[in-house]
Amino acid sequence: MANEELLARIRKTLSRRRSITEKRMFGGNCFFVCGNMIGGVSGAGELMIRVGPDRYEDALEQPHASEMDFTGRPMRGFVSIARDGISTDEDLKYWIDLGLKYARSLPPKIK
């Protein structure tokens, strides 16, 4: 699955949500709700999701999930999901919903 295909699937999953924006970051594209990051597609083509510190350990125990690591240091609160972990729309929605739930728990960022 190419990055563009995964981005299209994420956009479709988020299409009925309000206050969603998309921005290029981390060598890929990231999605935000009210200015708070949900997750996105890394330059390497993996799904990355911001689950927050309270759900981080549980998320890492899920199949196909691993620490998100761009710089040699894991980014606590963020997980990477291998392609096999998002092969169905239902799997992708599960991870997107985790990211949405955490992002919505934060105060909106005002520009």
C-alpha atoms as a PDB file:
ATOM      1  CA  MET A   1       0.000   0.000   0.000  1.00  0.00           C
ATOM      2  CA  ALA A   2       1.474   3.323  -1.054  1.00  0.00           C
ATOM      3  CA  ASN A   3       1.511   6.333   1.260  1.00  0.00           C
ATOM      4  CA  GLU A   4      -1.109   8.067  -0.912  1.00  0.00           C
ATOM      5  CA  GLU A   5      -3.448   5.097  -0.572  1.00  0.00           C
ATOM      6  CA  LEU A   6      -3.092   5.119   3.215  1.00  0.00           C
ATOM      7  CA  LEU A   7      -3.624   8.884   3.312  1.00  0.00           C
ATOM      8  CA  ALA A   8      -6.782   8.465   1.234  1.00  0.00           C
ATOM      9  CA  ARG A   9      -8.064   5.829   3.665  1.00  0.00           C
ATOM     10  CA  ILE A  10      -7.370   8.106   6.639  1.00  0.00           C
ATOM     11  CA  ARG A  11      -9.041  11.062   4.932  1.00  0.00           C
ATOM     12  CA  LYS A  12     -12.107   8.912   4.237  1.00  0.00           C
ATOM     13  CA  THR A  13     -12.207   7.713   7.864  1.00  0.00           C
ATOM     14  CA  LEU A  14     -12.030  11.305   9.112  1.00  0.00           C
ATOM     15  CA  SER A  15     -14.268  12.829   6.416  1.00  0.00           C
ATOM     16  CA  ARG A  16     -17.361  13.153   8.601  1.00  0.00           C
ATOM     17  CA  ARG A  17     -15.511  14.653  11.548  1.00  0.00           C
ATOM     18  CA  ARG A  18     -15.448  18.367  12.276  1.00  0.00           C
ATOM     19  CA  SER A  19     -12.432  20.588  12.822  1.00  0.00           C
ATOM     20  CA  ILE A  20      -9.970  18.181  11.119  1.00  0.00           C
ATOM     21  CA  THR A  21      -6.911  19.666   9.447  1.00  0.00           C
ATOM     22  CA  GLU A  22      -3.959  18.085   7.662  1.00  0.00           C
ATOM     23  CA  LYS A  23      -0.354  19.274   7.685  1.00  0.00           C
ATOM     24  CA  ARG A  24       2.972  17.988   6.359  1.00  0.00           C
ATOM     25  CA  MET A  25       5.262  16.932   9.243  1.00  0.00           C
ATOM     26  CA  PHE A  26       7.676  14.146  10.210  1.00  0.00           C
ATOM     27  CA  GLY A  27       8.430  13.630   6.513  1.00  0.00           C
ATOM     28  CA  GLY A  28       4.772  12.704   5.955  1.00  0.00           C
ATOM     29  CA  ASN A  29       1.284  14.037   6.649  1.00  0.00           C
ATOM     30  CA  CYS A  30      -0.376  14.504  10.027  1.00  0.00           C
ATOM     31  CA  PHE A  31      -3.992  15.069  10.990  1.00  0.00           C
ATOM     32  CA  PHE A  32      -5.267  17.336  13.745  1.00  0.00           C
ATOM     33  CA  VAL A  33      -8.536  18.031  15.513  1.00  0.00           C
ATOM     34  CA  CYS A  34      -8.909  21.521  17.030  1.00  0.00           C
ATOM     35  CA  GLY A  35      -5.148  21.931  16.597  1.00  0.00           C
ATOM     36  CA  ASN A  36      -4.182  18.741  18.479  1.00  0.00           C
ATOM     37  CA  MET A  37      -2.443  15.919  16.641  1.00  0.00           C
ATOM     38  CA  ILE A  38      -4.351  12.697  16.031  1.00  0.00           C
ATOM     39  CA  GLY A  39      -1.616  10.972  14.033  1.00  0.00           C
ATOM     40  CA  GLY A  40      -0.683  10.506  10.417  1.00  0.00           C
ATOM     41  CA  VAL A  41       1.516   8.758   7.919  1.00  0.00           C
ATOM     42  CA  SER A  42       5.272   8.886   8.455  1.00  0.00           C
ATOM     43  CA  GLY A  43       7.722   9.372   5.616  1.00  0.00           C
ATOM     44  CA  ALA A  44       8.389   5.629   5.894  1.00  0.00           C
ATOM     45  CA  GLY A  45       4.722   4.968   5.166  1.00  0.00           C
ATOM     46  CA  GLU A  46       3.631   3.698   8.572  1.00  0.00           C
ATOM     47  CA  LEU A  47       0.595   4.856  10.460  1.00  0.00           C
ATOM     48  CA  MET A  48       1.548   6.835  13.542  1.00  0.00           C
ATOM     49  CA  ILE A  49      -1.029   7.551  16.207  1.00  0.00           C
ATOM     50  CA  ARG A  50      -0.893   9.774  19.271  1.00  0.00           C
ATOM     51  CA  VAL A  51      -2.508   7.694  22.004  1.00  0.00           C
ATOM     52  CA  GLY A  52      -1.237   9.752  24.954  1.00  0.00           C
ATOM     53  CA  PRO A  53       0.716   8.658  28.018  1.00  0.00           C
ATOM     54  CA  ASP A  54      -2.143   6.815  29.751  1.00  0.00           C
ATOM     55  CA  ARG A  55      -2.838   4.456  26.829  1.00  0.00           C
ATOM     56  CA  TYR A  56       0.729   4.145  25.580  1.00  0.00           C
ATOM     57  CA  GLU A  57       1.677   0.841  27.254  1.00  0.00           C
ATOM     58  CA  ASP A  58      -1.646  -0.795  26.346  1.00  0.00           C
ATOM     59  CA  ALA A  59      -1.306   0.349  22.735  1.00  0.00           C
ATOM     60  CA  LEU A  60       2.175  -1.162  22.506  1.00  0.00           C
ATOM     61  CA  GLU A  61       0.741  -4.539  23.516  1.00  0.00           C
ATOM     62  CA  GLN A  62      -1.539  -4.572  20.444  1.00  0.00           C
ATOM     63  CA  PRO A  63      -0.478  -6.642  17.419  1.00  0.00           C
ATOM     64  CA  HIS A  64       1.610  -4.728  14.856  1.00  0.00           C
ATOM     65  CA  ALA A  65       2.163  -1.724  17.193  1.00  0.00           C
ATOM     66  CA  SER A  66       5.617  -0.457  18.139  1.00  0.00           C
ATOM     67  CA  GLU A  67       7.284   2.602  19.628  1.00  0.00           C
ATOM     68  CA  MET A  68       7.419   5.570  17.296  1.00  0.00           C
ATOM     69  CA  ASP A  69      11.081   6.425  16.911  1.00  0.00           C
ATOM     70  CA  PHE A  70      12.413   9.005  14.453  1.00  0.00           C
ATOM     71  CA  THR A  71      15.526  10.173  16.245  1.00  0.00           C
ATOM     72  CA  GLY A  72      16.804   7.135  18.130  1.00  0.00           C
ATOM     73  CA  ARG A  73      14.581   7.981  21.106  1.00  0.00           C
ATOM     74  CA  PRO A  74      11.024   6.678  21.310  1.00  0.00           C
ATOM     75  CA  MET A  75       8.339   9.356  21.381  1.00  0.00           C
ATOM     76  CA  ARG A  76       6.306   8.396  24.427  1.00  0.00           C
ATOM     77  CA  GLY A  77       2.578   8.616  23.790  1.00  0.00           C
ATOM     78  CA  PHE A  78       2.958   7.884  20.055  1.00  0.00           C
ATOM     79  CA  VAL A  79       2.873   4.456  18.410  1.00  0.00           C
ATOM     80  CA  SER A  80       3.619   3.205  14.916  1.00  0.00           C
ATOM     81  CA  ILE A  81       1.329   0.637  13.372  1.00  0.00           C
ATOM     82  CA  ALA A  82       2.718  -1.713  10.724  1.00  0.00           C
ATOM     83  CA  ARG A  83       0.764  -2.161   7.484  1.00  0.00           C
ATOM     84  CA  ASP A  84      -0.565  -5.572   8.592  1.00  0.00           C
ATOM     85  CA  GLY A  85      -2.190  -3.868  11.585  1.00  0.00           C
ATOM     86  CA  ILE A  86      -4.337  -1.619   9.398  1.00  0.00           C
ATOM     87  CA  SER A  87      -5.180  -3.949   6.524  1.00  0.00           C
ATOM     88  CA  THR A  88      -8.930  -3.527   7.080  1.00  0.00           C
ATOM     89  CA  ASP A  89     -10.927  -0.315   7.376  1.00  0.00           C
ATOM     90  CA  GLU A  90     -12.115  -1.517  10.777  1.00  0.00           C
ATOM     91  CA  ASP A  91      -8.508  -1.833  12.009  1.00  0.00           C
ATOM     92  CA  LEU A  92      -7.652   1.628  10.699  1.00  0.00           C
ATOM     93  CA  LYS A  93     -10.754   3.120  12.332  1.00  0.00           C
ATOM     94  CA  TYR A  94      -9.783   1.559  15.679  1.00  0.00           C
ATOM     95  CA  TRP A  95      -6.428   3.368  15.671  1.00  0.00           C
ATOM     96  CA  ILE A  96      -7.810   6.639  14.311  1.00  0.00           C
ATOM     97  CA  ASP A  97     -10.484   6.598  17.034  1.00  0.00           C
ATOM     98  CA  LEU A  98      -7.791   6.167  19.716  1.00  0.00           C
ATOM     99  CA  GLY A  99      -5.942   9.174  18.332  1.00  0.00           C
ATOM    100  CA  LEU A 100      -9.142  11.212  18.108  1.00  0.00           C
ATOM    101  CA  LYS A 101     -10.116  10.369  21.670  1.00  0.00           C
ATOM    102  CA  TYR A 102      -6.785  11.555  23.037  1.00  0.00           C
ATOM    103  CA  ALA A 103      -6.614  14.676  20.849  1.00  0.00           C
ATOM    104  CA  ARG A 104     -10.141  15.670  21.845  1.00  0.00           C
ATOM    105  CA  SER A 105      -9.251  15.287  25.528  1.00  0.00           C
ATOM    106  CA  LEU A 106      -6.804  18.199  25.176  1.00  0.00           C
ATOM    107  CA  PRO A 107      -7.766  21.874  25.194  1.00  0.00           C
ATOM    108  CA  PRO A 108      -8.181  23.292  21.670  1.00  0.00           C
ATOM    109  CA  LYS A 109      -5.137  25.137  20.359  1.00  0.00           C
ATOM    110  CA  ILE A 110      -5.916  28.651  19.265  1.00  0.00           C
ATOM    111  CA  LYS A 111      -3.737  30.260  16.582  1.00  0.00           C
END
